[in-house]
Amino acid sequence: MHAFDVLGDPVRRRILELLADGEQASGAVTAVIQQEFGITQSAVSQHLRVLRDNGFATVRPEGTRRFYAVESSAMRGVDEWLDHFRSFWSQPLDALATELARGQRERRLAGSSGTPTDSTIKTQE
């Protein structure tokens, strides 16, 4: 199964979000997923198995409990694939960051002088 087939399912994406916070017991993951998606324990187990079988999650047995964690190598593979497309959003995001910094600087300077700038006058109108 291709990585984006695995990640295309909202339940599996949510499970990975939960696991990104650290290792989780299968019961804890199941409880959250059942509450949010209204699916059975069996269905959650199937999603966990798909993640495990496709290298996105690892399982560590401890007695009768199973603990799941994100497998970073699979996520690195997705990141490498996405790297081909970063140029489409990196430059616009850099430009946005510049504009935000410029606006913060203008507000800071306006606050210290007590004199309204063109941008503060426009927002007040």
PDB file of N, CA and C in Angstrom:
ATOM      1  N   MET A   1       0.857  -1.176   0.000  1.00  0.00           N
ATOM      2  CA  MET A   1       0.000   0.000   0.000  1.00  0.00           C
ATOM      3  C   MET A   1       0.906   1.243   0.000  1.00  0.00           C
ATOM      4  N   HIS A   2       0.589   2.201  -0.843  1.00  0.00           N
ATOM      5  CA  HIS A   2       1.359   3.445  -0.926  1.00  0.00           C
ATOM      6  C   HIS A   2       1.128   4.285   0.329  1.00  0.00           C
ATOM      7  N   ALA A   3       2.133   5.054   0.705  1.00  0.00           N
ATOM      8  CA  ALA A   3       2.067   5.863   1.922  1.00  0.00           C
ATOM      9  C   ALA A   3       0.835   6.762   1.950  1.00  0.00           C
ATOM     10  N   PHE A   4       0.488   7.350   0.819  1.00  0.00           N
ATOM     11  CA  PHE A   4      -0.648   8.259   0.822  1.00  0.00           C
ATOM     12  C   PHE A   4      -1.985   7.518   0.820  1.00  0.00           C
ATOM     13  N   ASP A   5      -1.985   6.260   0.458  1.00  0.00           N
ATOM     14  CA  ASP A   5      -3.186   5.444   0.655  1.00  0.00           C
ATOM     15  C   ASP A   5      -3.401   5.221   2.151  1.00  0.00           C
ATOM     16  N   VAL A   6      -2.310   4.984   2.847  1.00  0.00           N
ATOM     17  CA  VAL A   6      -2.387   4.794   4.302  1.00  0.00           C
ATOM     18  C   VAL A   6      -2.820   6.097   4.963  1.00  0.00           C
ATOM     19  N   LEU A   7      -2.179   7.201   4.583  1.00  0.00           N
ATOM     20  CA  LEU A   7      -2.449   8.498   5.213  1.00  0.00           C
ATOM     21  C   LEU A   7      -3.728   9.156   4.712  1.00  0.00           C
ATOM     22  N   GLY A   8      -4.307   8.618   3.657  1.00  0.00           N
ATOM     23  CA  GLY A   8      -5.521   9.195   3.102  1.00  0.00           C
ATOM     24  C   GLY A   8      -6.746   8.996   3.969  1.00  0.00           C
ATOM     25  N   ASP A   9      -6.674   8.086   4.896  1.00  0.00           N
ATOM     26  CA  ASP A   9      -7.816   7.807   5.758  1.00  0.00           C
ATOM     27  C   ASP A   9      -7.778   8.716   6.991  1.00  0.00           C
ATOM     28  N   PRO A  10      -8.865   9.436   7.276  1.00  0.00           N
ATOM     29  CA  PRO A  10      -8.860  10.357   8.417  1.00  0.00           C
ATOM     30  C   PRO A  10      -8.676   9.670   9.769  1.00  0.00           C
ATOM     31  N   VAL A  11      -9.146   8.447   9.893  1.00  0.00           N
ATOM     32  CA  VAL A  11      -8.970   7.725  11.162  1.00  0.00           C
ATOM     33  C   VAL A  11      -7.487   7.431  11.383  1.00  0.00           C
ATOM     34  N   ARG A  12      -6.820   6.967  10.351  1.00  0.00           N
ATOM     35  CA  ARG A  12      -5.389   6.660  10.500  1.00  0.00           C
ATOM     36  C   ARG A  12      -4.570   7.927  10.731  1.00  0.00           C
ATOM     37  N   ARG A  13      -4.951   9.011  10.066  1.00  0.00           N
ATOM     38  CA  ARG A  13      -4.238  10.273  10.328  1.00  0.00           C
ATOM     39  C   ARG A  13      -4.421  10.697  11.782  1.00  0.00           C
ATOM     40  N   ARG A  14      -5.625  10.553  12.305  1.00  0.00           N
ATOM     41  CA  ARG A  14      -5.882  10.933  13.697  1.00  0.00           C
ATOM     42  C   ARG A  14      -5.106  10.034  14.653  1.00  0.00           C
ATOM     43  N   ILE A  15      -5.035   8.759  14.359  1.00  0.00           N
ATOM     44  CA  ILE A  15      -4.249   7.846  15.202  1.00  0.00           C
ATOM     45  C   ILE A  15      -2.792   8.301  15.224  1.00  0.00           C
ATOM     46  N   LEU A  16      -2.247   8.651  14.067  1.00  0.00           N
ATOM     47  CA  LEU A  16      -0.865   9.123  14.025  1.00  0.00           C
ATOM     48  C   LEU A  16      -0.691  10.415  14.806  1.00  0.00           C
ATOM     49  N   GLU A  17      -1.683  11.294  14.763  1.00  0.00           N
ATOM     50  CA  GLU A  17      -1.617  12.516  15.571  1.00  0.00           C
ATOM     51  C   GLU A  17      -1.542  12.178  17.057  1.00  0.00           C
ATOM     52  N   LEU A  18      -2.332  11.212  17.478  1.00  0.00           N
ATOM     53  CA  LEU A  18      -2.303  10.792  18.885  1.00  0.00           C
ATOM     54  C   LEU A  18      -0.946  10.195  19.239  1.00  0.00           C
ATOM     55  N   LEU A  19      -0.416   9.375  18.348  1.00  0.00           N
ATOM     56  CA  LEU A  19       0.865   8.728  18.610  1.00  0.00           C
ATOM     57  C   LEU A  19       2.039   9.697  18.529  1.00  0.00           C
ATOM     58  N   ALA A  20       1.856  10.806  17.811  1.00  0.00           N
ATOM     59  CA  ALA A  20       2.928  11.801  17.707  1.00  0.00           C
ATOM     60  C   ALA A  20       3.244  12.418  19.069  1.00  0.00           C
ATOM     61  N   ASP A  21       2.289  12.375  19.986  1.00  0.00           N
ATOM     62  CA  ASP A  21       2.509  12.897  21.337  1.00  0.00           C
ATOM     63  C   ASP A  21       3.313  11.934  22.194  1.00  0.00           C
ATOM     64  N   GLY A  22       3.561  10.740  21.691  1.00  0.00           N
ATOM     65  CA  GLY A  22       4.315   9.728  22.421  1.00  0.00           C
ATOM     66  C   GLY A  22       3.588   8.400  22.395  1.00  0.00           C
ATOM     67  N   GLU A  23       4.283   7.392  22.851  1.00  0.00           N
ATOM     68  CA  GLU A  23       3.736   6.032  22.872  1.00  0.00           C
ATOM     69  C   GLU A  23       2.406   6.003  23.623  1.00  0.00           C
ATOM     70  N   GLN A  24       1.441   5.274  23.050  1.00  0.00           N
ATOM     71  CA  GLN A  24       0.098   5.185  23.631  1.00  0.00           C
ATOM     72  C   GLN A  24      -0.348   3.728  23.708  1.00  0.00           C
ATOM     73  N   ALA A  25      -1.042   3.405  24.774  1.00  0.00           N
ATOM     74  CA  ALA A  25      -1.649   2.081  24.890  1.00  0.00           C
ATOM     75  C   ALA A  25      -2.780   1.975  23.866  1.00  0.00           C
ATOM     76  N   SER A  26      -2.938   0.791  23.294  1.00  0.00           N
ATOM     77  CA  SER A  26      -3.979   0.609  22.277  1.00  0.00           C
ATOM     78  C   SER A  26      -5.358   0.949  22.831  1.00  0.00           C
ATOM     79  N   GLY A  27      -5.581   0.661  24.094  1.00  0.00           N
ATOM     80  CA  GLY A  27      -6.881   0.978  24.704  1.00  0.00           C
ATOM     81  C   GLY A  27      -7.151   2.474  24.741  1.00  0.00           C
ATOM     82  N   ALA A  28      -6.121   3.278  25.009  1.00  0.00           N
ATOM     83  CA  ALA A  28      -6.285   4.729  25.045  1.00  0.00           C
ATOM     84  C   ALA A  28      -6.571   5.272  23.644  1.00  0.00           C
ATOM     85  N   VAL A  29      -5.849   4.753  22.665  1.00  0.00           N
ATOM     86  CA  VAL A  29      -6.072   5.165  21.280  1.00  0.00           C
ATOM     87  C   VAL A  29      -7.483   4.780  20.859  1.00  0.00           C
ATOM     88  N   THR A  30      -7.867   3.565  21.166  1.00  0.00           N
ATOM     89  CA  THR A  30      -9.192   3.076  20.796  1.00  0.00           C
ATOM     90  C   THR A  30     -10.286   3.931  21.404  1.00  0.00           C
ATOM     91  N   ALA A  31     -10.148   4.305  22.662  1.00  0.00           N
ATOM     92  CA  ALA A  31     -11.171   5.112  23.330  1.00  0.00           C
ATOM     93  C   ALA A  31     -11.360   6.458  22.630  1.00  0.00           C
ATOM     94  N   VAL A  32     -10.267   7.109  22.283  1.00  0.00           N
ATOM     95  CA  VAL A  32     -10.359   8.411  21.613  1.00  0.00           C
ATOM     96  C   VAL A  32     -10.985   8.256  20.234  1.00  0.00           C
ATOM     97  N   ILE A  33     -10.517   7.283  19.485  1.00  0.00           N
ATOM     98  CA  ILE A  33     -11.010   7.095  18.116  1.00  0.00           C
ATOM     99  C   ILE A  33     -12.481   6.705  18.112  1.00  0.00           C
ATOM    100  N   GLN A  34     -12.873   5.834  19.029  1.00  0.00           N
ATOM    101  CA  GLN A  34     -14.285   5.450  19.111  1.00  0.00           C
ATOM    102  C   GLN A  34     -15.158   6.662  19.421  1.00  0.00           C
ATOM    103  N   GLN A  35     -14.700   7.508  20.319  1.00  0.00           N
ATOM    104  CA  GLN A  35     -15.469   8.699  20.683  1.00  0.00           C
ATOM    105  C   GLN A  35     -15.563   9.679  19.514  1.00  0.00           C
ATOM    106  N   GLU A  36     -14.449   9.894  18.829  1.00  0.00           N
ATOM    107  CA  GLU A  36     -14.423  10.889  17.759  1.00  0.00           C
ATOM    108  C   GLU A  36     -15.066  10.410  16.459  1.00  0.00           C
ATOM    109  N   PHE A  37     -14.928   9.112  16.147  1.00  0.00           N
ATOM    110  CA  PHE A  37     -15.394   8.617  14.852  1.00  0.00           C
ATOM    111  C   PHE A  37     -16.582   7.662  14.952  1.00  0.00           C
ATOM    112  N   GLY A  38     -16.876   7.220  16.160  1.00  0.00           N
ATOM    113  CA  GLY A  38     -18.018   6.328  16.331  1.00  0.00           C
ATOM    114  C   GLY A  38     -17.839   4.975  15.674  1.00  0.00           C
ATOM    115  N   ILE A  39     -16.623   4.442  15.681  1.00  0.00           N
ATOM    116  CA  ILE A  39     -16.382   3.135  15.083  1.00  0.00           C
ATOM    117  C   ILE A  39     -16.083   2.114  16.182  1.00  0.00           C
ATOM    118  N   THR A  40     -16.126   0.851  15.831  1.00  0.00           N
ATOM    119  CA  THR A  40     -15.949  -0.219  16.810  1.00  0.00           C
ATOM    120  C   THR A  40     -14.479  -0.411  17.181  1.00  0.00           C
ATOM    121  N   GLN A  41     -14.266  -1.124  18.267  1.00  0.00           N
ATOM    122  CA  GLN A  41     -12.912  -1.472  18.708  1.00  0.00           C
ATOM    123  C   GLN A  41     -12.219  -2.286  17.629  1.00  0.00           C
ATOM    124  N   SER A  42     -12.949  -3.166  17.000  1.00  0.00           N
ATOM    125  CA  SER A  42     -12.406  -3.998  15.936  1.00  0.00           C
ATOM    126  C   SER A  42     -11.928  -3.148  14.756  1.00  0.00           C
ATOM    127  N   ALA A  43     -12.696  -2.134  14.394  1.00  0.00           N
ATOM    128  CA  ALA A  43     -12.317  -1.254  13.288  1.00  0.00           C
ATOM    129  C   ALA A  43     -11.059  -0.455  13.634  1.00  0.00           C
ATOM    130  N   VAL A  44     -10.962   0.009  14.880  1.00  0.00           N
ATOM    131  CA  VAL A  44      -9.755   0.730  15.307  1.00  0.00           C
ATOM    132  C   VAL A  44      -8.553  -0.199  15.227  1.00  0.00           C
ATOM    133  N   SER A  45      -8.732  -1.440  15.680  1.00  0.00           N
ATOM    134  CA  SER A  45      -7.645  -2.425  15.614  1.00  0.00           C
ATOM    135  C   SER A  45      -7.180  -2.644  14.179  1.00  0.00           C
ATOM    136  N   GLN A  46      -8.121  -2.664  13.231  1.00  0.00           N
ATOM    137  CA  GLN A  46      -7.761  -2.839  11.827  1.00  0.00           C
ATOM    138  C   GLN A  46      -6.929  -1.651  11.334  1.00  0.00           C
ATOM    139  N   HIS A  47      -7.307  -0.435  11.735  1.00  0.00           N
ATOM    140  CA  HIS A  47      -6.542   0.748  11.341  1.00  0.00           C
ATOM    141  C   HIS A  47      -5.138   0.708  11.955  1.00  0.00           C
ATOM    142  N   LEU A  48      -5.036   0.287  13.211  1.00  0.00           N
ATOM    143  CA  LEU A  48      -3.723   0.154  13.843  1.00  0.00           C
ATOM    144  C   LEU A  48      -2.866  -0.873  13.099  1.00  0.00           C
ATOM    145  N   ARG A  49      -3.497  -1.960  12.674  1.00  0.00           N
ATOM    146  CA  ARG A  49      -2.774  -2.985  11.930  1.00  0.00           C
ATOM    147  C   ARG A  49      -2.271  -2.450  10.592  1.00  0.00           C
ATOM    148  N   VAL A  50      -3.089  -1.673   9.892  1.00  0.00           N
ATOM    149  CA  VAL A  50      -2.665  -1.086   8.612  1.00  0.00           C
ATOM    150  C   VAL A  50      -1.461  -0.177   8.841  1.00  0.00           C
ATOM    151  N   LEU A  51      -1.512   0.631   9.893  1.00  0.00           N
ATOM    152  CA  LEU A  51      -0.378   1.513  10.205  1.00  0.00           C
ATOM    153  C   LEU A  51       0.873   0.698  10.514  1.00  0.00           C
ATOM    154  N   ARG A  52       0.712  -0.341  11.289  1.00  0.00           N
ATOM    155  CA  ARG A  52       1.841  -1.206  11.663  1.00  0.00           C
ATOM    156  C   ARG A  52       2.387  -1.957  10.446  1.00  0.00           C
ATOM    157  N   ASP A  53       1.507  -2.574   9.675  1.00  0.00           N
ATOM    158  CA  ASP A  53       1.929  -3.372   8.516  1.00  0.00           C
ATOM    159  C   ASP A  53       2.612  -2.534   7.435  1.00  0.00           C
ATOM    160  N   ASN A  54       2.292  -1.254   7.388  1.00  0.00           N
ATOM    161  CA  ASN A  54       2.868  -0.378   6.371  1.00  0.00           C
ATOM    162  C   ASN A  54       3.998   0.488   6.916  1.00  0.00           C
ATOM    163  N   GLY A  55       4.450   0.175   8.110  1.00  0.00           N
ATOM    164  CA  GLY A  55       5.636   0.824   8.652  1.00  0.00           C
ATOM    165  C   GLY A  55       5.435   2.181   9.282  1.00  0.00           C
ATOM    166  N   PHE A  56       4.198   2.589   9.530  1.00  0.00           N
ATOM    167  CA  PHE A  56       3.938   3.892  10.136  1.00  0.00           C
ATOM    168  C   PHE A  56       3.867   3.840  11.654  1.00  0.00           C
ATOM    169  N   ALA A  57       3.704   2.660  12.196  1.00  0.00           N
ATOM    170  CA  ALA A  57       3.612   2.522  13.654  1.00  0.00           C
ATOM    171  C   ALA A  57       4.327   1.251  14.087  1.00  0.00           C
ATOM    172  N   THR A  58       4.802   1.291  15.310  1.00  0.00           N
ATOM    173  CA  THR A  58       5.393   0.106  15.924  1.00  0.00           C
ATOM    174  C   THR A  58       4.522  -0.283  17.104  1.00  0.00           C
ATOM    175  N   VAL A  59       4.608  -1.547  17.478  1.00  0.00           N
ATOM    176  CA  VAL A  59       3.865  -2.020  18.645  1.00  0.00           C
ATOM    177  C   VAL A  59       4.844  -2.687  19.599  1.00  0.00           C
ATOM    178  N   ARG A  60       4.627  -2.414  20.890  1.00  0.00           N
ATOM    179  CA  ARG A  60       5.460  -3.004  21.929  1.00  0.00           C
ATOM    180  C   ARG A  60       4.533  -3.682  22.928  1.00  0.00           C
ATOM    181  N   PRO A  61       4.584  -5.032  22.969  1.00  0.00           N
ATOM    182  CA  PRO A  61       3.736  -5.723  23.943  1.00  0.00           C
ATOM    183  C   PRO A  61       4.324  -5.599  25.353  1.00  0.00           C
ATOM    184  N   GLU A  62       3.437  -5.431  26.291  1.00  0.00           N
ATOM    185  CA  GLU A  62       3.822  -5.424  27.710  1.00  0.00           C
ATOM    186  C   GLU A  62       2.720  -6.146  28.468  1.00  0.00           C
ATOM    187  N   GLY A  63       2.970  -7.400  28.761  1.00  0.00           N
ATOM    188  CA  GLY A  63       1.923  -8.224  29.374  1.00  0.00           C
ATOM    189  C   GLY A  63       0.775  -8.373  28.403  1.00  0.00           C
ATOM    190  N   THR A  64      -0.419  -8.028  28.861  1.00  0.00           N
ATOM    191  CA  THR A  64      -1.604  -8.126  27.993  1.00  0.00           C
ATOM    192  C   THR A  64      -1.863  -6.836  27.224  1.00  0.00           C
ATOM    193  N   ARG A  65      -1.077  -5.814  27.476  1.00  0.00           N
ATOM    194  CA  ARG A  65      -1.277  -4.519  26.823  1.00  0.00           C
ATOM    195  C   ARG A  65      -0.358  -4.376  25.615  1.00  0.00           C
ATOM    196  N   ARG A  66      -0.787  -3.543  24.681  1.00  0.00           N
ATOM    197  CA  ARG A  66      -0.002  -3.234  23.486  1.00  0.00           C
ATOM    198  C   ARG A  66       0.181  -1.722  23.436  1.00  0.00           C
ATOM    199  N   PHE A  67       1.431  -1.293  23.247  1.00  0.00           N
ATOM    200  CA  PHE A  67       1.745   0.128  23.171  1.00  0.00           C
ATOM    201  C   PHE A  67       2.196   0.452  21.753  1.00  0.00           C
ATOM    202  N   TYR A  68       1.587   1.478  21.180  1.00  0.00           N
ATOM    203  CA  TYR A  68       1.883   1.879  19.811  1.00  0.00           C
ATOM    204  C   TYR A  68       2.659   3.187  19.809  1.00  0.00           C
ATOM    205  N   ALA A  69       3.520   3.346  18.808  1.00  0.00           N
ATOM    206  CA  ALA A  69       4.300   4.565  18.628  1.00  0.00           C
ATOM    207  C   ALA A  69       4.464   4.812  17.136  1.00  0.00           C
ATOM    208  N   VAL A  70       4.730   6.063  16.776  1.00  0.00           N
ATOM    209  CA  VAL A  70       4.994   6.415  15.380  1.00  0.00           C
ATOM    210  C   VAL A  70       6.357   5.851  14.990  1.00  0.00           C
ATOM    211  N   GLU A  71       6.420   5.295  13.805  1.00  0.00           N
ATOM    212  CA  GLU A  71       7.699   4.841  13.236  1.00  0.00           C
ATOM    213  C   GLU A  71       8.227   5.979  12.372  1.00  0.00           C
ATOM    214  N   SER A  72       9.289   6.601  12.809  1.00  0.00           N
ATOM    215  CA  SER A  72       9.770   7.824  12.149  1.00  0.00           C
ATOM    216  C   SER A  72      10.276   7.597  10.734  1.00  0.00           C
ATOM    217  N   SER A  73      10.784   6.428  10.415  1.00  0.00           N
ATOM    218  CA  SER A  73      11.330   6.215   9.064  1.00  0.00           C
ATOM    219  C   SER A  73      10.250   6.353   7.993  1.00  0.00           C
ATOM    220  N   ALA A  74       9.055   5.889   8.258  1.00  0.00           N
ATOM    221  CA  ALA A  74       7.973   6.025   7.275  1.00  0.00           C
ATOM    222  C   ALA A  74       7.596   7.489   7.096  1.00  0.00           C
ATOM    223  N   MET A  75       7.606   8.235   8.188  1.00  0.00           N
ATOM    224  CA  MET A  75       7.276   9.651   8.103  1.00  0.00           C
ATOM    225  C   MET A  75       8.373  10.418   7.357  1.00  0.00           C
ATOM    226  N   ARG A  76       9.608  10.001   7.530  1.00  0.00           N
ATOM    227  CA  ARG A  76      10.708  10.632   6.782  1.00  0.00           C
ATOM    228  C   ARG A  76      10.533  10.390   5.283  1.00  0.00           C
ATOM    229  N   GLY A  77      10.077   9.206   4.919  1.00  0.00           N
ATOM    230  CA  GLY A  77       9.825   8.911   3.510  1.00  0.00           C
ATOM    231  C   GLY A  77       8.760   9.830   2.922  1.00  0.00           C
ATOM    232  N   VAL A  78       7.716  10.092   3.667  1.00  0.00           N
ATOM    233  CA  VAL A  78       6.670  11.010   3.220  1.00  0.00           C
ATOM    234  C   VAL A  78       7.250  12.418   3.095  1.00  0.00           C
ATOM    235  N   ASP A  79       8.041  12.817   4.084  1.00  0.00           N
ATOM    236  CA  ASP A  79       8.659  14.141   4.066  1.00  0.00           C
ATOM    237  C   ASP A  79       9.573  14.303   2.855  1.00  0.00           C
ATOM    238  N   GLU A  80      10.328  13.270   2.527  1.00  0.00           N
ATOM    239  CA  GLU A  80      11.207  13.322   1.355  1.00  0.00           C
ATOM    240  C   GLU A  80      10.397  13.475   0.072  1.00  0.00           C
ATOM    241  N   TRP A  81       9.280  12.781  -0.013  1.00  0.00           N
ATOM    242  CA  TRP A  81       8.433  12.893  -1.196  1.00  0.00           C
ATOM    243  C   TRP A  81       7.862  14.307  -1.294  1.00  0.00           C
ATOM    244  N   LEU A  82       7.411  14.849  -0.160  1.00  0.00           N
ATOM    245  CA  LEU A  82       6.847  16.194  -0.153  1.00  0.00           C
ATOM    246  C   LEU A  82       7.883  17.266  -0.471  1.00  0.00           C
ATOM    247  N   ASP A  83       9.146  16.956  -0.254  1.00  0.00           N
ATOM    248  CA  ASP A  83      10.217  17.913  -0.506  1.00  0.00           C
ATOM    249  C   ASP A  83      10.200  18.410  -1.952  1.00  0.00           C
ATOM    250  N   HIS A  84       9.741  17.575  -2.871  1.00  0.00           N
ATOM    251  CA  HIS A  84       9.648  17.970  -4.282  1.00  0.00           C
ATOM    252  C   HIS A  84       8.674  19.130  -4.477  1.00  0.00           C
ATOM    253  N   PHE A  85       7.756  19.318  -3.550  1.00  0.00           N
ATOM    254  CA  PHE A  85       6.680  20.296  -3.717  1.00  0.00           C
ATOM    255  C   PHE A  85       6.801  21.493  -2.775  1.00  0.00           C
ATOM    256  N   ARG A  86       7.790  21.485  -1.889  1.00  0.00           N
ATOM    257  CA  ARG A  86       7.926  22.570  -0.907  1.00  0.00           C
ATOM    258  C   ARG A  86       8.087  23.938  -1.553  1.00  0.00           C
ATOM    259  N   SER A  87       8.682  23.992  -2.716  1.00  0.00           N
ATOM    260  CA  SER A  87       8.891  25.290  -3.373  1.00  0.00           C
ATOM    261  C   SER A  87       7.565  25.983  -3.675  1.00  0.00           C
ATOM    262  N   PHE A  88       6.486  25.209  -3.799  1.00  0.00           N
ATOM    263  CA  PHE A  88       5.191  25.808  -4.085  1.00  0.00           C
ATOM    264  C   PHE A  88       4.652  26.621  -2.917  1.00  0.00           C
ATOM    265  N   TRP A  89       5.037  26.255  -1.690  1.00  0.00           N
ATOM    266  CA  TRP A  89       4.519  27.008  -0.550  1.00  0.00           C
ATOM    267  C   TRP A  89       5.595  27.686   0.286  1.00  0.00           C
ATOM    268  N   SER A  90       6.857  27.328   0.132  1.00  0.00           N
ATOM    269  CA  SER A  90       7.912  27.922   0.956  1.00  0.00           C
ATOM    270  C   SER A  90       8.061  29.418   0.703  1.00  0.00           C
ATOM    271  N   GLN A  91       8.148  29.821  -0.553  1.00  0.00           N
ATOM    272  CA  GLN A  91       8.330  31.236  -0.858  1.00  0.00           C
ATOM    273  C   GLN A  91       7.130  32.069  -0.400  1.00  0.00           C
ATOM    274  N   PRO A  92       5.882  31.666  -0.677  1.00  0.00           N
ATOM    275  CA  PRO A  92       4.755  32.455  -0.163  1.00  0.00           C
ATOM    276  C   PRO A  92       4.724  32.519   1.373  1.00  0.00           C
ATOM    277  N   LEU A  93       5.104  31.443   2.039  1.00  0.00           N
ATOM    278  CA  LEU A  93       5.132  31.477   3.504  1.00  0.00           C
ATOM    279  C   LEU A  93       6.241  32.387   4.009  1.00  0.00           C
ATOM    280  N   ASP A  94       7.387  32.396   3.337  1.00  0.00           N
ATOM    281  CA  ASP A  94       8.463  33.307   3.709  1.00  0.00           C
ATOM    282  C   ASP A  94       8.022  34.752   3.527  1.00  0.00           C
ATOM    283  N   ALA A  95       7.311  35.032   2.438  1.00  0.00           N
ATOM    284  CA  ALA A  95       6.820  36.388   2.199  1.00  0.00           C
ATOM    285  C   ALA A  95       5.804  36.788   3.262  1.00  0.00           C
ATOM    286  N   LEU A  96       4.949  35.870   3.658  1.00  0.00           N
ATOM    287  CA  LEU A  96       3.981  36.146   4.722  1.00  0.00           C
ATOM    288  C   LEU A  96       4.695  36.453   6.031  1.00  0.00           C
ATOM    289  N   ALA A  97       5.715  35.690   6.358  1.00  0.00           N
ATOM    290  CA  ALA A  97       6.477  35.930   7.586  1.00  0.00           C
ATOM    291  C   ALA A  97       7.113  37.316   7.561  1.00  0.00           C
ATOM    292  N   THR A  98       7.612  37.734   6.408  1.00  0.00           N
ATOM    293  CA  THR A  98       8.209  39.071   6.274  1.00  0.00           C
ATOM    294  C   THR A  98       7.166  40.151   6.512  1.00  0.00           C
ATOM    295  N   GLU A  99       6.002  39.975   5.918  1.00  0.00           N
ATOM    296  CA  GLU A  99       4.934  40.971   6.097  1.00  0.00           C
ATOM    297  C   GLU A  99       4.449  41.034   7.545  1.00  0.00           C
ATOM    298  N   LEU A 100       4.340  39.894   8.193  1.00  0.00           N
ATOM    299  CA  LEU A 100       3.936  39.884   9.595  1.00  0.00           C
ATOM    300  C   LEU A 100       4.963  40.599  10.464  1.00  0.00           C
ATOM    301  N   ALA A 101       6.242  40.339  10.206  1.00  0.00           N
ATOM    302  CA  ALA A 101       7.302  41.010  10.964  1.00  0.00           C
ATOM    303  C   ALA A 101       7.267  42.508  10.717  1.00  0.00           C
ATOM    304  N   ARG A 102       7.019  42.914   9.481  1.00  0.00           N
ATOM    305  CA  ARG A 102       6.941  44.341   9.151  1.00  0.00           C
ATOM    306  C   ARG A 102       5.783  44.991   9.909  1.00  0.00           C
ATOM    307  N   GLY A 103       4.648  44.322   9.941  1.00  0.00           N
ATOM    308  CA  GLY A 103       3.491  44.859  10.671  1.00  0.00           C
ATOM    309  C   GLY A 103       3.751  44.966  12.163  1.00  0.00           C
ATOM    310  N   GLN A 104       4.401  43.963  12.738  1.00  0.00           N
ATOM    311  CA  GLN A 104       4.737  44.017  14.162  1.00  0.00           C
ATOM    312  C   GLN A 104       5.686  45.166  14.450  1.00  0.00           C
ATOM    313  N   ARG A 105       6.654  45.361  13.577  1.00  0.00           N
ATOM    314  CA  ARG A 105       7.617  46.455  13.754  1.00  0.00           C
ATOM    315  C   ARG A 105       6.890  47.796  13.695  1.00  0.00           C
ATOM    316  N   GLU A 106       5.990  47.968  12.724  1.00  0.00           N
ATOM    317  CA  GLU A 106       5.250  49.220  12.608  1.00  0.00           C
ATOM    318  C   GLU A 106       4.409  49.489  13.850  1.00  0.00           C
ATOM    319  N   ARG A 107       3.755  48.453  14.373  1.00  0.00           N
ATOM    320  CA  ARG A 107       2.945  48.626  15.593  1.00  0.00           C
ATOM    321  C   ARG A 107       3.814  48.982  16.787  1.00  0.00           C
ATOM    322  N   ARG A 108       4.977  48.331  16.874  1.00  0.00           N
ATOM    323  CA  ARG A 108       5.886  48.610  17.979  1.00  0.00           C
ATOM    324  C   ARG A 108       6.389  50.049  17.908  1.00  0.00           C
ATOM    325  N   LEU A 109       6.768  50.500  16.716  1.00  0.00           N
ATOM    326  CA  LEU A 109       7.250  51.872  16.554  1.00  0.00           C
ATOM    327  C   LEU A 109       6.144  52.890  16.808  1.00  0.00           C
ATOM    328  N   ALA A 110       4.939  52.580  16.348  1.00  0.00           N
ATOM    329  CA  ALA A 110       3.806  53.477  16.569  1.00  0.00           C
ATOM    330  C   ALA A 110       3.478  53.582  18.057  1.00  0.00           C
ATOM    331  N   GLY A 111       3.592  52.469  18.758  1.00  0.00           N
ATOM    332  CA  GLY A 111       3.306  52.462  20.197  1.00  0.00           C
ATOM    333  C   GLY A 111       4.321  53.250  20.994  1.00  0.00           C
ATOM    334  N   SER A 112       5.573  53.234  20.564  1.00  0.00           N
ATOM    335  CA  SER A 112       6.614  53.933  21.313  1.00  0.00           C
ATOM    336  C   SER A 112       6.596  55.429  21.046  1.00  0.00           C
ATOM    337  N   SER A 113       6.129  55.858  19.871  1.00  0.00           N
ATOM    338  CA  SER A 113       6.114  57.290  19.564  1.00  0.00           C
ATOM    339  C   SER A 113       4.803  57.945  19.937  1.00  0.00           C
ATOM    340  N   GLY A 114       3.757  57.125  20.082  1.00  0.00           N
ATOM    341  CA  GLY A 114       2.452  57.681  20.406  1.00  0.00           C
ATOM    342  C   GLY A 114       1.783  58.319  19.206  1.00  0.00           C
ATOM    343  N   THR A 115       2.440  58.328  18.056  1.00  0.00           N
ATOM    344  CA  THR A 115       1.900  58.919  16.844  1.00  0.00           C
ATOM    345  C   THR A 115       1.355  57.819  15.955  1.00  0.00           C
ATOM    346  N   PRO A 116       0.100  57.941  15.538  1.00  0.00           N
ATOM    347  CA  PRO A 116      -0.452  56.891  14.673  1.00  0.00           C
ATOM    348  C   PRO A 116       0.213  56.889  13.305  1.00  0.00           C
ATOM    349  N   THR A 117       0.413  55.712  12.756  1.00  0.00           N
ATOM    350  CA  THR A 117       0.961  55.568  11.414  1.00  0.00           C
ATOM    351  C   THR A 117      -0.181  55.402  10.432  1.00  0.00           C
ATOM    352  N   ASP A 118       0.143  55.405   9.156  1.00  0.00           N
ATOM    353  CA  ASP A 118      -0.882  55.207   8.125  1.00  0.00           C
ATOM    354  C   ASP A 118      -1.625  53.904   8.349  1.00  0.00           C
ATOM    355  N   SER A 119      -0.881  52.842   8.718  1.00  0.00           N
ATOM    356  CA  SER A 119      -1.531  51.536   8.878  1.00  0.00           C
ATOM    357  C   SER A 119      -2.462  51.526  10.081  1.00  0.00           C
ATOM    358  N   THR A 120      -2.111  52.228  11.175  1.00  0.00           N
ATOM    359  CA  THR A 120      -3.006  52.245  12.339  1.00  0.00           C
ATOM    360  C   THR A 120      -4.218  53.121  12.075  1.00  0.00           C
ATOM    361  N   ILE A 121      -4.050  54.182  11.271  1.00  0.00           N
ATOM    362  CA  ILE A 121      -5.177  55.041  10.929  1.00  0.00           C
ATOM    363  C   ILE A 121      -6.168  54.257  10.068  1.00  0.00           C
ATOM    364  N   LYS A 122      -5.662  53.466   9.098  1.00  0.00           N
ATOM    365  CA  LYS A 122      -6.531  52.689   8.219  1.00  0.00           C
ATOM    366  C   LYS A 122      -7.340  51.663   9.004  1.00  0.00           C
ATOM    367  N   THR A 123      -6.722  51.030  10.013  1.00  0.00           N
ATOM    368  CA  THR A 123      -7.440  50.003  10.772  1.00  0.00           C
ATOM    369  C   THR A 123      -8.471  50.626  11.688  1.00  0.00           C
ATOM    370  N   GLN A 124      -8.307  51.904  12.046  1.00  0.00           N
ATOM    371  CA  GLN A 124      -9.258  52.571  12.915  1.00  0.00           C
ATOM    372  C   GLN A 124     -10.482  53.058  12.146  1.00  0.00           C
ATOM    373  N   GLU A 125     -10.346  53.231  10.845  1.00  0.00           N
ATOM    374  CA  GLU A 125     -11.461  53.764  10.030  1.00  0.00           C
ATOM    375  C   GLU A 125     -12.530  52.759   9.828  1.00  0.00           C
TER     376      GLU A 125
END
